[in-house]
Amino acid sequence: MKITEKDVYYVAALAHLEVTESEAQEYAANMSSILSYVEKLNELDTANVEPMSQVLTDSAEGSSLRADQVKLSLPLELSLANAPESGAGHFKVPKVIER
C-alpha cells in the first residue's frame, strides 16, 4: 500500500500536528515501507502454527497477580489541593479542542 503526502497531512491534522513538506515526504516513505513489510508478513501461511502463549486465559496457580481489594480512596479535598484550578469537585483544564 502506498501512503501519499496527502495521507500524512490528514493523519497529522487528526492528531493536531504541524508537519513540514520534507517531514511529510519522509513520513510517507517510512509508513509505506512499514505497510509493505506487513503485507509480506500477511503472505505467510500460519494455519498450522500453534499459539505460543495466551494472556487471556485463567491464571496458573501461584501466579503473581493479586486479588482485588477494596480500599479507601483519596479524599476529594486532598486530591484537588494542588490543582491549579478546580470547581464543582473536578479539575478544570483549558479547552484544547478548537474545531
Foldseek 3Di string as FASTA:
>chain_A
DQFALVNVVVVCVVVVHDDDPVRSVVVRVVVVVVVVVVVVVVPDDCPPPDDPDDPPDDDDPPDPDDDDDDDDDDDLCVVCVPAPDDDPSGRDDDDDDDD
